[in-house]
Amino acid sequence: VERLILVKFADRWLSNGLPVKRLTGIKPAERLFKELRRLEALSSDESRVRQEYFGLGLPRIAISKAPAGEDMLAHLKSLALWRELPLHELRKECQDQGISTGGLGSADDEQGKELVERLLLVTCADAWMAQGLPLKRMPNIQSAKDLAVEYVRLDGASDADLLKEYKQLDIPEQVEVPTKRRELLTRLQRVAAWRALPIHELRKDCQELRIATTSE
């Protein structure tokens, strides 16, 4: 009933573009409306918009450069919406963007926070995206940060160190060892990514390669 009232009678919110049909009731809609108004009031002060944007929880190294003020504001508004969406709408939002929705916690509140974090990661961490990190498959910001650090470490390693690390993977001697640095680096970064992925994403890779995922 509350949702019907919200959609049928909240003309002001509808005229302001509030996605009331995606919300669970009047209180979430009211919170979102107030937050969007607050953010809109910041639009004339780019320094405050920037301060909020860089306070979202992403490491500074994840962002290559500050987006334009209007883009930062748009991302902040998206985050405000995500925080008010019910779990099934968050899942749909992630699925529409190709973001993994597996491997979540057991409680609904916990799942919601994890999905919001994944949306934030994919939307704002452009520097990590440019590095080639599989952000849409990562479980959280910390995992992405750890992988980014590993990518940088490997990229700065000498050819000899890369070869040494590659040999430590215990690949059978019959498999030809790459002779070019780029191939060595690519393989080691791929292994680093596998180690960082959650188990449900590893299963997907195994299934695509027709590798057994059970011990039977």
N, C-alpha and C. Protein backbone atom coordinates (compact mmCIF):
# COMPACT_ATOMS: atom_id res chain seq x y z
N VAL A 1 0.84 -1.20 0.00
CA VAL A 1 0.00 0.00 0.00
C VAL A 1 0.88 1.25 0.00
N GLU A 2 1.92 1.23 0.82
CA GLU A 2 2.81 2.39 0.90
C GLU A 2 3.45 2.70 -0.45
N ARG A 3 3.83 1.65 -1.16
CA ARG A 3 4.45 1.87 -2.48
C ARG A 3 3.43 2.43 -3.46
N LEU A 4 2.20 1.99 -3.38
CA LEU A 4 1.16 2.52 -4.26
C LEU A 4 0.91 3.99 -3.96
N ILE A 5 0.85 4.32 -2.68
CA ILE A 5 0.67 5.72 -2.29
C ILE A 5 1.82 6.56 -2.82
N LEU A 6 3.01 6.04 -2.65
CA LEU A 6 4.22 6.75 -3.08
C LEU A 6 4.19 7.04 -4.57
N VAL A 7 3.86 6.04 -5.37
CA VAL A 7 3.89 6.20 -6.82
C VAL A 7 2.72 7.06 -7.32
N LYS A 8 1.56 6.90 -6.71
CA LYS A 8 0.36 7.59 -7.20
C LYS A 8 0.26 9.04 -6.74
N PHE A 9 0.80 9.34 -5.53
CA PHE A 9 0.52 10.65 -4.97
C PHE A 9 1.75 11.53 -4.76
N ALA A 10 2.95 10.97 -4.87
CA ALA A 10 4.16 11.77 -4.62
C ALA A 10 4.58 12.51 -5.90
N ASP A 11 3.71 13.42 -6.35
CA ASP A 11 3.93 14.12 -7.61
C ASP A 11 5.22 14.92 -7.61
N ARG A 12 5.51 15.54 -6.49
CA ARG A 12 6.71 16.39 -6.43
C ARG A 12 7.97 15.57 -6.63
N TRP A 13 8.02 14.43 -5.98
CA TRP A 13 9.19 13.57 -6.14
C TRP A 13 9.28 13.04 -7.56
N LEU A 14 8.15 12.66 -8.11
CA LEU A 14 8.15 12.15 -9.49
C LEU A 14 8.61 13.21 -10.47
N SER A 15 8.15 14.44 -10.28
CA SER A 15 8.53 15.52 -11.19
C SER A 15 10.00 15.87 -11.07
N ASN A 16 10.61 15.53 -9.93
CA ASN A 16 12.05 15.77 -9.75
C ASN A 16 12.89 14.57 -10.20
N GLY A 17 12.26 13.60 -10.81
CA GLY A 17 12.99 12.46 -11.35
C GLY A 17 13.37 11.42 -10.34
N LEU A 18 12.77 11.44 -9.16
CA LEU A 18 13.08 10.44 -8.14
C LEU A 18 12.52 9.08 -8.58
N PRO A 19 13.34 8.04 -8.60
CA PRO A 19 12.87 6.72 -9.07
C PRO A 19 12.07 6.00 -8.00
N VAL A 20 10.90 6.55 -7.68
CA VAL A 20 10.12 6.03 -6.55
C VAL A 20 9.66 4.59 -6.76
N LYS A 21 9.53 4.17 -8.02
CA LYS A 21 9.07 2.81 -8.28
C LYS A 21 10.11 1.76 -7.88
N ARG A 22 11.34 2.19 -7.68
CA ARG A 22 12.40 1.26 -7.31
C ARG A 22 12.63 1.23 -5.80
N LEU A 23 11.99 2.10 -5.06
CA LEU A 23 12.19 2.20 -3.63
C LEU A 23 11.11 1.42 -2.87
N THR A 24 11.40 1.13 -1.61
CA THR A 24 10.51 0.27 -0.84
C THR A 24 9.41 1.03 -0.10
N GLY A 25 9.53 2.34 -0.01
CA GLY A 25 8.50 3.07 0.73
C GLY A 25 8.80 4.54 0.82
N ILE A 26 8.03 5.21 1.67
CA ILE A 26 8.11 6.66 1.78
C ILE A 26 9.40 7.12 2.46
N LYS A 27 9.83 6.43 3.51
CA LYS A 27 11.03 6.87 4.23
C LYS A 27 12.29 6.82 3.35
N PRO A 28 12.54 5.73 2.63
CA PRO A 28 13.71 5.75 1.73
C PRO A 28 13.62 6.84 0.68
N ALA A 29 12.41 7.07 0.17
CA ALA A 29 12.24 8.13 -0.84
C ALA A 29 12.52 9.49 -0.23
N GLU A 30 12.07 9.71 0.99
CA GLU A 30 12.31 10.99 1.65
C GLU A 30 13.80 11.21 1.91
N ARG A 31 14.48 10.15 2.37
CA ARG A 31 15.92 10.26 2.61
C ARG A 31 16.67 10.58 1.32
N LEU A 32 16.29 9.89 0.24
CA LEU A 32 16.95 10.10 -1.04
C LEU A 32 16.69 11.51 -1.55
N PHE A 33 15.46 11.97 -1.43
CA PHE A 33 15.12 13.31 -1.89
C PHE A 33 15.95 14.36 -1.16
N LYS A 34 16.06 14.23 0.15
CA LYS A 34 16.84 15.19 0.95
C LYS A 34 18.32 15.15 0.57
N GLU A 35 18.84 13.93 0.35
CA GLU A 35 20.26 13.80 0.00
C GLU A 35 20.54 14.39 -1.38
N LEU A 36 19.65 14.16 -2.32
CA LEU A 36 19.84 14.73 -3.66
C LEU A 36 19.76 16.25 -3.63
N ARG A 37 18.87 16.79 -2.81
CA ARG A 37 18.79 18.25 -2.66
C ARG A 37 20.07 18.79 -2.04
N ARG A 38 20.59 18.08 -1.05
CA ARG A 38 21.84 18.51 -0.41
C ARG A 38 22.99 18.53 -1.41
N LEU A 39 23.07 17.47 -2.22
CA LEU A 39 24.13 17.39 -3.21
C LEU A 39 23.98 18.47 -4.27
N GLU A 40 22.75 18.73 -4.66
CA GLU A 40 22.51 19.76 -5.67
C GLU A 40 22.94 21.13 -5.15
N ALA A 41 22.78 21.35 -3.86
CA ALA A 41 23.20 22.61 -3.26
C ALA A 41 24.71 22.78 -3.27
N LEU A 42 25.43 21.64 -3.36
CA LEU A 42 26.90 21.69 -3.41
C LEU A 42 27.43 21.99 -4.82
N SER A 43 26.58 21.89 -5.80
CA SER A 43 27.03 21.93 -7.20
C SER A 43 27.77 23.22 -7.55
N SER A 44 27.50 24.30 -6.83
CA SER A 44 28.17 25.57 -7.12
C SER A 44 29.54 25.67 -6.44
N ASP A 45 29.85 24.71 -5.59
CA ASP A 45 31.13 24.72 -4.87
C ASP A 45 31.90 23.44 -5.23
N GLU A 46 32.70 23.51 -6.28
CA GLU A 46 33.37 22.30 -6.77
C GLU A 46 34.35 21.73 -5.75
N SER A 47 34.93 22.59 -4.91
CA SER A 47 35.88 22.08 -3.92
C SER A 47 35.18 21.17 -2.91
N ARG A 48 33.94 21.48 -2.55
CA ARG A 48 33.20 20.62 -1.62
C ARG A 48 32.74 19.34 -2.32
N VAL A 49 32.36 19.46 -3.58
CA VAL A 49 32.01 18.27 -4.35
C VAL A 49 33.22 17.34 -4.44
N ARG A 50 34.38 17.92 -4.71
CA ARG A 50 35.60 17.12 -4.81
C ARG A 50 35.92 16.45 -3.47
N GLN A 51 35.74 17.19 -2.39
CA GLN A 51 36.03 16.65 -1.06
C GLN A 51 35.14 15.44 -0.76
N GLU A 52 33.87 15.54 -1.09
CA GLU A 52 32.96 14.42 -0.88
C GLU A 52 33.31 13.24 -1.78
N TYR A 53 33.66 13.56 -3.01
CA TYR A 53 33.96 12.51 -4.00
C TYR A 53 35.17 11.69 -3.56
N PHE A 54 36.20 12.39 -3.10
CA PHE A 54 37.41 11.68 -2.68
C PHE A 54 37.30 11.11 -1.28
N GLY A 55 36.15 11.31 -0.64
CA GLY A 55 35.91 10.73 0.67
C GLY A 55 34.99 9.53 0.61
N LEU A 56 34.79 8.99 -0.60
CA LEU A 56 33.86 7.87 -0.76
C LEU A 56 34.40 6.54 -0.24
N GLY A 57 35.70 6.47 -0.01
CA GLY A 57 36.27 5.22 0.49
C GLY A 57 37.23 4.55 -0.46
N LEU A 58 37.38 5.10 -1.66
CA LEU A 58 38.37 4.56 -2.60
C LEU A 58 39.74 5.17 -2.33
N PRO A 59 40.81 4.38 -2.39
CA PRO A 59 42.15 4.97 -2.28
C PRO A 59 42.39 5.98 -3.40
N ARG A 60 43.15 7.00 -3.10
CA ARG A 60 43.40 8.03 -4.10
C ARG A 60 44.04 7.46 -5.36
N ILE A 61 44.84 6.41 -5.21
CA ILE A 61 45.52 5.84 -6.37
C ILE A 61 44.56 5.13 -7.32
N ALA A 62 43.34 4.89 -6.86
CA ALA A 62 42.35 4.21 -7.71
C ALA A 62 41.75 5.15 -8.74
N ILE A 63 41.95 6.45 -8.53
CA ILE A 63 41.35 7.46 -9.39
C ILE A 63 42.46 8.20 -10.12
N SER A 64 42.50 8.09 -11.44
CA SER A 64 43.61 8.66 -12.21
C SER A 64 43.62 10.18 -12.16
N LYS A 65 42.46 10.77 -12.27
CA LYS A 65 42.34 12.22 -12.18
C LYS A 65 40.91 12.56 -11.77
N ALA A 66 40.76 13.72 -11.18
CA ALA A 66 39.43 14.12 -10.75
C ALA A 66 38.54 14.35 -11.96
N PRO A 67 37.38 13.72 -12.00
CA PRO A 67 36.45 13.98 -13.10
C PRO A 67 35.97 15.42 -13.06
N ALA A 68 35.28 15.83 -14.10
CA ALA A 68 34.67 17.14 -14.10
C ALA A 68 33.67 17.22 -12.96
N GLY A 69 33.42 18.45 -12.47
CA GLY A 69 32.53 18.64 -11.34
C GLY A 69 31.18 17.99 -11.53
N GLU A 70 30.61 18.12 -12.72
CA GLU A 70 29.28 17.55 -12.96
C GLU A 70 29.32 16.03 -12.94
N ASP A 71 30.44 15.44 -13.37
CA ASP A 71 30.56 13.98 -13.34
C ASP A 71 30.70 13.49 -11.90
N MET A 72 31.48 14.21 -11.09
CA MET A 72 31.60 13.83 -9.68
C MET A 72 30.25 13.91 -9.00
N LEU A 73 29.51 14.96 -9.29
CA LEU A 73 28.19 15.13 -8.69
C LEU A 73 27.25 14.01 -9.13
N ALA A 74 27.32 13.62 -10.39
CA ALA A 74 26.48 12.52 -10.90
C ALA A 74 26.80 11.21 -10.17
N HIS A 75 28.09 10.96 -9.93
CA HIS A 75 28.48 9.74 -9.21
C HIS A 75 27.99 9.78 -7.77
N LEU A 76 28.06 10.95 -7.14
CA LEU A 76 27.58 11.07 -5.76
C LEU A 76 26.07 10.84 -5.68
N LYS A 77 25.36 11.31 -6.68
CA LYS A 77 23.91 11.10 -6.72
C LYS A 77 23.59 9.62 -6.95
N SER A 78 24.38 8.98 -7.80
CA SER A 78 24.17 7.54 -8.02
C SER A 78 24.38 6.77 -6.73
N LEU A 79 25.43 7.14 -5.99
CA LEU A 79 25.70 6.47 -4.72
C LEU A 79 24.56 6.67 -3.73
N ALA A 80 24.01 7.88 -3.71
CA ALA A 80 22.88 8.16 -2.82
C ALA A 80 21.69 7.25 -3.16
N LEU A 81 21.46 7.04 -4.45
CA LEU A 81 20.38 6.15 -4.88
C LEU A 81 20.67 4.72 -4.48
N TRP A 82 21.88 4.24 -4.75
CA TRP A 82 22.22 2.84 -4.45
C TRP A 82 22.01 2.54 -2.97
N ARG A 83 22.35 3.50 -2.11
CA ARG A 83 22.23 3.28 -0.67
C ARG A 83 20.78 3.12 -0.21
N GLU A 84 19.84 3.57 -1.02
CA GLU A 84 18.43 3.47 -0.65
C GLU A 84 17.70 2.35 -1.38
N LEU A 85 18.34 1.76 -2.37
CA LEU A 85 17.66 0.70 -3.14
C LEU A 85 17.56 -0.58 -2.32
N PRO A 86 16.46 -1.31 -2.49
CA PRO A 86 16.36 -2.63 -1.86
C PRO A 86 17.31 -3.61 -2.54
N LEU A 87 17.53 -4.73 -1.91
CA LEU A 87 18.52 -5.69 -2.38
C LEU A 87 18.26 -6.16 -3.80
N HIS A 88 17.01 -6.46 -4.14
CA HIS A 88 16.73 -6.99 -5.48
C HIS A 88 17.02 -5.93 -6.56
N GLU A 89 16.83 -4.65 -6.22
CA GLU A 89 17.15 -3.60 -7.18
C GLU A 89 18.66 -3.40 -7.31
N LEU A 90 19.37 -3.56 -6.21
CA LEU A 90 20.83 -3.49 -6.28
C LEU A 90 21.40 -4.61 -7.14
N ARG A 91 20.84 -5.79 -6.98
CA ARG A 91 21.28 -6.91 -7.81
C ARG A 91 21.04 -6.62 -9.28
N LYS A 92 19.89 -6.06 -9.59
CA LYS A 92 19.57 -5.73 -10.97
C LYS A 92 20.53 -4.67 -11.50
N GLU A 93 20.83 -3.68 -10.67
CA GLU A 93 21.77 -2.62 -11.07
C GLU A 93 23.13 -3.21 -11.41
N CYS A 94 23.60 -4.12 -10.57
CA CYS A 94 24.89 -4.77 -10.81
C CYS A 94 24.84 -5.63 -12.08
N GLN A 95 23.80 -6.41 -12.22
CA GLN A 95 23.67 -7.28 -13.38
C GLN A 95 23.62 -6.48 -14.68
N ASP A 96 22.94 -5.34 -14.65
CA ASP A 96 22.87 -4.48 -15.83
C ASP A 96 24.25 -3.96 -16.24
N GLN A 97 25.14 -3.83 -15.26
CA GLN A 97 26.49 -3.34 -15.54
C GLN A 97 27.52 -4.46 -15.66
N GLY A 98 27.04 -5.71 -15.59
CA GLY A 98 27.96 -6.84 -15.70
C GLY A 98 28.82 -7.06 -14.48
N ILE A 99 28.36 -6.58 -13.32
CA ILE A 99 29.12 -6.70 -12.08
C ILE A 99 28.69 -7.96 -11.34
N SER A 100 29.65 -8.70 -10.84
CA SER A 100 29.37 -9.94 -10.12
C SER A 100 28.48 -9.69 -8.91
N THR A 101 27.50 -10.57 -8.71
CA THR A 101 26.63 -10.50 -7.53
C THR A 101 26.76 -11.74 -6.66
N GLY A 102 27.77 -12.54 -6.91
CA GLY A 102 27.97 -13.76 -6.14
C GLY A 102 28.89 -13.55 -4.95
N GLY A 103 28.93 -14.55 -4.08
CA GLY A 103 29.84 -14.54 -2.96
C GLY A 103 29.54 -13.49 -1.91
N LEU A 104 28.26 -13.17 -1.71
CA LEU A 104 27.88 -12.15 -0.74
C LEU A 104 27.71 -12.75 0.65
N GLY A 105 27.65 -11.87 1.65
CA GLY A 105 27.41 -12.30 3.02
C GLY A 105 26.00 -12.86 3.18
N SER A 106 25.68 -13.29 4.38
CA SER A 106 24.40 -13.95 4.61
C SER A 106 23.27 -12.96 4.92
N ALA A 107 23.56 -11.88 5.63
CA ALA A 107 22.53 -10.92 6.01
C ALA A 107 22.23 -9.96 4.87
N ASP A 108 20.96 -9.55 4.75
CA ASP A 108 20.56 -8.65 3.68
C ASP A 108 21.31 -7.32 3.74
N ASP A 109 21.46 -6.75 4.94
CA ASP A 109 22.16 -5.47 5.09
C ASP A 109 23.60 -5.59 4.62
N GLU A 110 24.22 -6.69 4.98
CA GLU A 110 25.61 -6.93 4.58
C GLU A 110 25.72 -7.07 3.06
N GLN A 111 24.79 -7.79 2.46
CA GLN A 111 24.79 -7.95 1.01
C GLN A 111 24.62 -6.61 0.31
N GLY A 112 23.71 -5.79 0.82
CA GLY A 112 23.48 -4.49 0.22
C GLY A 112 24.73 -3.63 0.23
N LYS A 113 25.43 -3.60 1.36
CA LYS A 113 26.66 -2.81 1.46
C LYS A 113 27.73 -3.33 0.49
N GLU A 114 27.81 -4.64 0.36
CA GLU A 114 28.82 -5.22 -0.54
C GLU A 114 28.51 -4.86 -2.00
N LEU A 115 27.24 -4.90 -2.38
CA LEU A 115 26.88 -4.56 -3.75
C LEU A 115 27.12 -3.08 -4.05
N VAL A 116 26.81 -2.23 -3.08
CA VAL A 116 27.07 -0.79 -3.25
C VAL A 116 28.57 -0.56 -3.42
N GLU A 117 29.37 -1.27 -2.65
CA GLU A 117 30.83 -1.12 -2.75
C GLU A 117 31.32 -1.56 -4.14
N ARG A 118 30.75 -2.63 -4.66
CA ARG A 118 31.15 -3.10 -6.00
C ARG A 118 30.74 -2.10 -7.07
N LEU A 119 29.56 -1.51 -6.93
CA LEU A 119 29.12 -0.49 -7.89
C LEU A 119 30.03 0.73 -7.83
N LEU A 120 30.38 1.14 -6.63
CA LEU A 120 31.29 2.28 -6.46
C LEU A 120 32.65 1.98 -7.09
N LEU A 121 33.14 0.79 -6.86
CA LEU A 121 34.44 0.39 -7.39
C LEU A 121 34.49 0.48 -8.91
N VAL A 122 33.49 -0.06 -9.57
CA VAL A 122 33.46 -0.09 -11.03
C VAL A 122 33.21 1.31 -11.60
N THR A 123 32.41 2.11 -10.90
CA THR A 123 32.04 3.43 -11.41
C THR A 123 33.17 4.44 -11.29
N CYS A 124 33.92 4.37 -10.21
CA CYS A 124 34.86 5.46 -9.90
C CYS A 124 36.35 5.10 -10.02
N ALA A 125 36.71 3.82 -9.92
CA ALA A 125 38.14 3.46 -9.88
C ALA A 125 38.71 3.34 -11.30
N ASP A 126 38.76 4.46 -12.00
CA ASP A 126 39.18 4.43 -13.40
C ASP A 126 40.65 4.09 -13.57
N ALA A 127 41.48 4.48 -12.60
CA ALA A 127 42.92 4.16 -12.70
C ALA A 127 43.14 2.66 -12.64
N TRP A 128 42.43 2.00 -11.75
CA TRP A 128 42.56 0.54 -11.66
C TRP A 128 41.98 -0.14 -12.89
N MET A 129 40.92 0.42 -13.42
CA MET A 129 40.34 -0.13 -14.64
C MET A 129 41.35 -0.06 -15.79
N ALA A 130 42.07 1.09 -15.87
CA ALA A 130 43.07 1.27 -16.92
C ALA A 130 44.25 0.31 -16.75
N GLN A 131 44.52 -0.12 -15.53
CA GLN A 131 45.59 -1.09 -15.27
C GLN A 131 45.20 -2.49 -15.75
N GLY A 132 43.94 -2.68 -16.05
CA GLY A 132 43.48 -3.99 -16.48
C GLY A 132 42.95 -4.87 -15.37
N LEU A 133 42.70 -4.29 -14.20
CA LEU A 133 42.14 -5.09 -13.11
C LEU A 133 40.70 -5.49 -13.44
N PRO A 134 40.34 -6.74 -13.16
CA PRO A 134 38.97 -7.21 -13.44
C PRO A 134 38.00 -6.72 -12.37
N LEU A 135 37.74 -5.42 -12.34
CA LEU A 135 36.98 -4.81 -11.25
C LEU A 135 35.57 -5.37 -11.13
N LYS A 136 34.96 -5.71 -12.26
CA LYS A 136 33.58 -6.20 -12.21
C LYS A 136 33.48 -7.57 -11.57
N ARG A 137 34.62 -8.20 -11.34
CA ARG A 137 34.62 -9.53 -10.74
C ARG A 137 35.17 -9.52 -9.31
N MET A 138 35.63 -8.36 -8.85
CA MET A 138 36.25 -8.28 -7.53
C MET A 138 35.18 -8.18 -6.44
N PRO A 139 35.44 -8.77 -5.26
CA PRO A 139 34.43 -8.77 -4.20
C PRO A 139 34.32 -7.46 -3.44
N ASN A 140 35.42 -6.70 -3.37
CA ASN A 140 35.39 -5.47 -2.60
C ASN A 140 36.60 -4.58 -2.94
N ILE A 141 36.61 -3.39 -2.37
CA ILE A 141 37.66 -2.41 -2.66
C ILE A 141 39.02 -2.90 -2.17
N GLN A 142 39.06 -3.52 -0.98
CA GLN A 142 40.34 -3.96 -0.43
C GLN A 142 40.99 -5.01 -1.33
N SER A 143 40.21 -5.94 -1.85
CA SER A 143 40.75 -6.96 -2.74
C SER A 143 41.32 -6.32 -4.02
N ALA A 144 40.60 -5.33 -4.54
CA ALA A 144 41.07 -4.63 -5.72
C ALA A 144 42.36 -3.86 -5.43
N LYS A 145 42.42 -3.25 -4.26
CA LYS A 145 43.62 -2.51 -3.87
C LYS A 145 44.83 -3.44 -3.78
N ASP A 146 44.65 -4.59 -3.14
CA ASP A 146 45.74 -5.55 -3.00
C ASP A 146 46.22 -6.03 -4.37
N LEU A 147 45.29 -6.27 -5.28
CA LEU A 147 45.66 -6.72 -6.62
C LEU A 147 46.37 -5.61 -7.38
N ALA A 148 45.92 -4.38 -7.24
CA ALA A 148 46.57 -3.25 -7.91
C ALA A 148 48.02 -3.11 -7.45
N VAL A 149 48.24 -3.28 -6.15
CA VAL A 149 49.60 -3.22 -5.61
C VAL A 149 50.46 -4.33 -6.21
N GLU A 150 49.88 -5.52 -6.34
CA GLU A 150 50.62 -6.65 -6.92
C GLU A 150 50.94 -6.41 -8.39
N TYR A 151 50.00 -5.85 -9.13
CA TYR A 151 50.25 -5.51 -10.54
C TYR A 151 51.41 -4.53 -10.67
N VAL A 152 51.41 -3.52 -9.82
CA VAL A 152 52.49 -2.51 -9.86
C VAL A 152 53.83 -3.16 -9.50
N ARG A 153 53.82 -4.03 -8.50
CA ARG A 153 55.06 -4.71 -8.11
C ARG A 153 55.61 -5.55 -9.25
N LEU A 154 54.73 -6.30 -9.90
CA LEU A 154 55.18 -7.13 -11.02
C LEU A 154 55.68 -6.28 -12.18
N ASP A 155 54.98 -5.19 -12.45
CA ASP A 155 55.37 -4.32 -13.56
C ASP A 155 56.75 -3.70 -13.33
N GLY A 156 57.11 -3.50 -12.06
CA GLY A 156 58.40 -2.89 -11.76
C GLY A 156 59.52 -3.90 -11.55
N ALA A 157 59.20 -5.18 -11.62
CA ALA A 157 60.21 -6.21 -11.40
C ALA A 157 61.12 -6.35 -12.62
N SER A 158 62.33 -6.81 -12.38
CA SER A 158 63.28 -7.03 -13.48
C SER A 158 62.89 -8.28 -14.25
N ASP A 159 63.45 -8.43 -15.43
CA ASP A 159 63.18 -9.62 -16.24
C ASP A 159 63.58 -10.89 -15.49
N ALA A 160 64.71 -10.82 -14.79
CA ALA A 160 65.20 -11.99 -14.06
C ALA A 160 64.24 -12.35 -12.92
N ASP A 161 63.73 -11.34 -12.24
CA ASP A 161 62.81 -11.61 -11.14
C ASP A 161 61.48 -12.17 -11.64
N LEU A 162 61.03 -11.66 -12.78
CA LEU A 162 59.79 -12.20 -13.36
C LEU A 162 59.97 -13.66 -13.75
N LEU A 163 61.09 -13.97 -14.34
CA LEU A 163 61.35 -15.35 -14.74
C LEU A 163 61.45 -16.26 -13.52
N LYS A 164 62.08 -15.76 -12.45
CA LYS A 164 62.20 -16.54 -11.22
C LYS A 164 60.82 -16.82 -10.63
N GLU A 165 59.97 -15.80 -10.58
CA GLU A 165 58.61 -15.98 -10.04
C GLU A 165 57.81 -16.96 -10.90
N TYR A 166 58.00 -16.86 -12.19
CA TYR A 166 57.26 -17.74 -13.10
C TYR A 166 57.64 -19.20 -12.86
N LYS A 167 58.91 -19.44 -12.69
CA LYS A 167 59.38 -20.81 -12.46
C LYS A 167 58.90 -21.35 -11.12
N GLN A 168 58.65 -20.44 -10.16
CA GLN A 168 58.15 -20.86 -8.84
C GLN A 168 56.69 -21.31 -8.89
N LEU A 169 56.04 -21.13 -10.03
CA LEU A 169 54.66 -21.60 -10.18
C LEU A 169 54.60 -23.11 -10.35
N ASP A 170 55.78 -23.75 -10.47
CA ASP A 170 55.86 -25.21 -10.61
C ASP A 170 55.14 -25.72 -11.85
N ILE A 171 55.24 -24.95 -12.94
CA ILE A 171 54.68 -25.39 -14.22
C ILE A 171 55.57 -26.52 -14.76
N PRO A 172 55.01 -27.59 -15.28
CA PRO A 172 55.83 -28.70 -15.80
C PRO A 172 56.90 -28.23 -16.77
N GLU A 173 58.04 -28.88 -16.72
CA GLU A 173 59.17 -28.49 -17.57
C GLU A 173 58.86 -28.63 -19.04
N GLN A 174 57.88 -29.47 -19.37
CA GLN A 174 57.54 -29.67 -20.78
C GLN A 174 56.86 -28.43 -21.39
N VAL A 175 56.32 -27.57 -20.53
CA VAL A 175 55.66 -26.36 -21.01
C VAL A 175 56.72 -25.30 -21.30
N GLU A 176 56.67 -24.76 -22.49
CA GLU A 176 57.69 -23.79 -22.91
C GLU A 176 57.57 -22.50 -22.09
N VAL A 177 58.70 -22.04 -21.59
CA VAL A 177 58.75 -20.81 -20.81
C VAL A 177 58.78 -19.61 -21.76
N PRO A 178 57.94 -18.61 -21.55
CA PRO A 178 57.96 -17.43 -22.42
C PRO A 178 59.32 -16.74 -22.40
N THR A 179 59.72 -16.24 -23.52
CA THR A 179 61.02 -15.55 -23.61
C THR A 179 60.87 -14.03 -23.61
N LYS A 180 59.66 -13.56 -23.84
CA LYS A 180 59.44 -12.12 -23.88
C LYS A 180 58.86 -11.64 -22.55
N ARG A 181 59.34 -10.48 -22.11
CA ARG A 181 58.91 -9.91 -20.84
C ARG A 181 57.40 -9.72 -20.78
N ARG A 182 56.83 -9.19 -21.86
CA ARG A 182 55.41 -8.90 -21.86
C ARG A 182 54.57 -10.15 -21.59
N GLU A 183 54.96 -11.26 -22.17
CA GLU A 183 54.21 -12.50 -21.97
C GLU A 183 54.38 -13.01 -20.54
N LEU A 184 55.60 -12.93 -20.02
CA LEU A 184 55.83 -13.32 -18.63
C LEU A 184 54.97 -12.48 -17.68
N LEU A 185 54.99 -11.17 -17.91
CA LEU A 185 54.24 -10.26 -17.05
C LEU A 185 52.74 -10.54 -17.13
N THR A 186 52.24 -10.76 -18.34
CA THR A 186 50.82 -11.03 -18.52
C THR A 186 50.40 -12.29 -17.78
N ARG A 187 51.22 -13.32 -17.86
CA ARG A 187 50.87 -14.58 -17.20
C ARG A 187 50.90 -14.44 -15.68
N LEU A 188 51.89 -13.74 -15.16
CA LEU A 188 51.99 -13.58 -13.72
C LEU A 188 50.86 -12.70 -13.19
N GLN A 189 50.48 -11.68 -13.95
CA GLN A 189 49.35 -10.84 -13.54
C GLN A 189 48.04 -11.63 -13.58
N ARG A 190 47.93 -12.52 -14.55
CA ARG A 190 46.73 -13.36 -14.62
C ARG A 190 46.65 -14.28 -13.40
N VAL A 191 47.78 -14.84 -13.00
CA VAL A 191 47.81 -15.69 -11.81
C VAL A 191 47.45 -14.86 -10.57
N ALA A 192 47.98 -13.64 -10.50
CA ALA A 192 47.67 -12.76 -9.37
C ALA A 192 46.17 -12.46 -9.32
N ALA A 193 45.57 -12.26 -10.48
CA ALA A 193 44.13 -11.99 -10.54
C ALA A 193 43.34 -13.21 -10.09
N TRP A 194 43.74 -14.39 -10.53
CA TRP A 194 43.05 -15.61 -10.09
C TRP A 194 43.09 -15.74 -8.57
N ARG A 195 44.25 -15.44 -8.00
CA ARG A 195 44.41 -15.55 -6.55
C ARG A 195 43.53 -14.55 -5.80
N ALA A 196 43.19 -13.45 -6.47
CA ALA A 196 42.39 -12.40 -5.82
C ALA A 196 40.89 -12.60 -6.01
N LEU A 197 40.51 -13.40 -7.00
CA LEU A 197 39.09 -13.57 -7.30
C LEU A 197 38.39 -14.44 -6.25
N PRO A 198 37.12 -14.16 -5.99
CA PRO A 198 36.35 -15.04 -5.10
C PRO A 198 36.10 -16.38 -5.77
N ILE A 199 35.75 -17.37 -4.96
CA ILE A 199 35.66 -18.73 -5.45
C ILE A 199 34.63 -18.88 -6.57
N HIS A 200 33.51 -18.16 -6.51
CA HIS A 200 32.49 -18.33 -7.55
C HIS A 200 32.98 -17.83 -8.90
N GLU A 201 33.87 -16.83 -8.89
CA GLU A 201 34.44 -16.34 -10.15
C GLU A 201 35.49 -17.30 -10.68
N LEU A 202 36.25 -17.91 -9.79
CA LEU A 202 37.22 -18.93 -10.21
C LEU A 202 36.50 -20.12 -10.86
N ARG A 203 35.36 -20.48 -10.30
CA ARG A 203 34.59 -21.59 -10.88
C ARG A 203 34.15 -21.24 -12.31
N LYS A 204 33.77 -19.99 -12.53
CA LYS A 204 33.38 -19.58 -13.87
C LYS A 204 34.52 -19.78 -14.86
N ASP A 205 35.74 -19.36 -14.47
CA ASP A 205 36.89 -19.51 -15.35
C ASP A 205 37.17 -20.99 -15.62
N CYS A 206 37.06 -21.81 -14.58
CA CYS A 206 37.29 -23.24 -14.75
C CYS A 206 36.25 -23.85 -15.69
N GLN A 207 35.01 -23.47 -15.52
CA GLN A 207 33.94 -24.00 -16.35
C GLN A 207 34.12 -23.59 -17.81
N GLU A 208 34.57 -22.35 -18.03
CA GLU A 208 34.80 -21.89 -19.41
C GLU A 208 35.91 -22.70 -20.08
N LEU A 209 36.89 -23.12 -19.27
CA LEU A 209 38.00 -23.92 -19.79
C LEU A 209 37.75 -25.41 -19.64
N ARG A 210 36.54 -25.76 -19.19
CA ARG A 210 36.16 -27.16 -18.98
C ARG A 210 37.10 -27.88 -18.02
N ILE A 211 37.40 -27.19 -16.93
CA ILE A 211 38.24 -27.75 -15.88
C ILE A 211 37.33 -28.19 -14.74
N ALA A 212 37.54 -29.37 -14.20
CA ALA A 212 36.73 -29.88 -13.11
C ALA A 212 36.85 -28.97 -11.89
N THR A 213 35.74 -28.72 -11.24
CA THR A 213 35.74 -27.88 -10.04
C THR A 213 35.41 -28.67 -8.77
N THR A 214 35.40 -30.00 -8.90
CA THR A 214 35.21 -30.86 -7.74
C THR A 214 36.33 -31.87 -7.70
N SER A 215 36.47 -32.52 -6.56
CA SER A 215 37.54 -33.50 -6.40
C SER A 215 37.13 -34.90 -6.86
N GLU A 216 35.85 -35.01 -7.26
CA GLU A 216 35.37 -36.34 -7.67
C GLU A 216 35.76 -36.63 -9.10
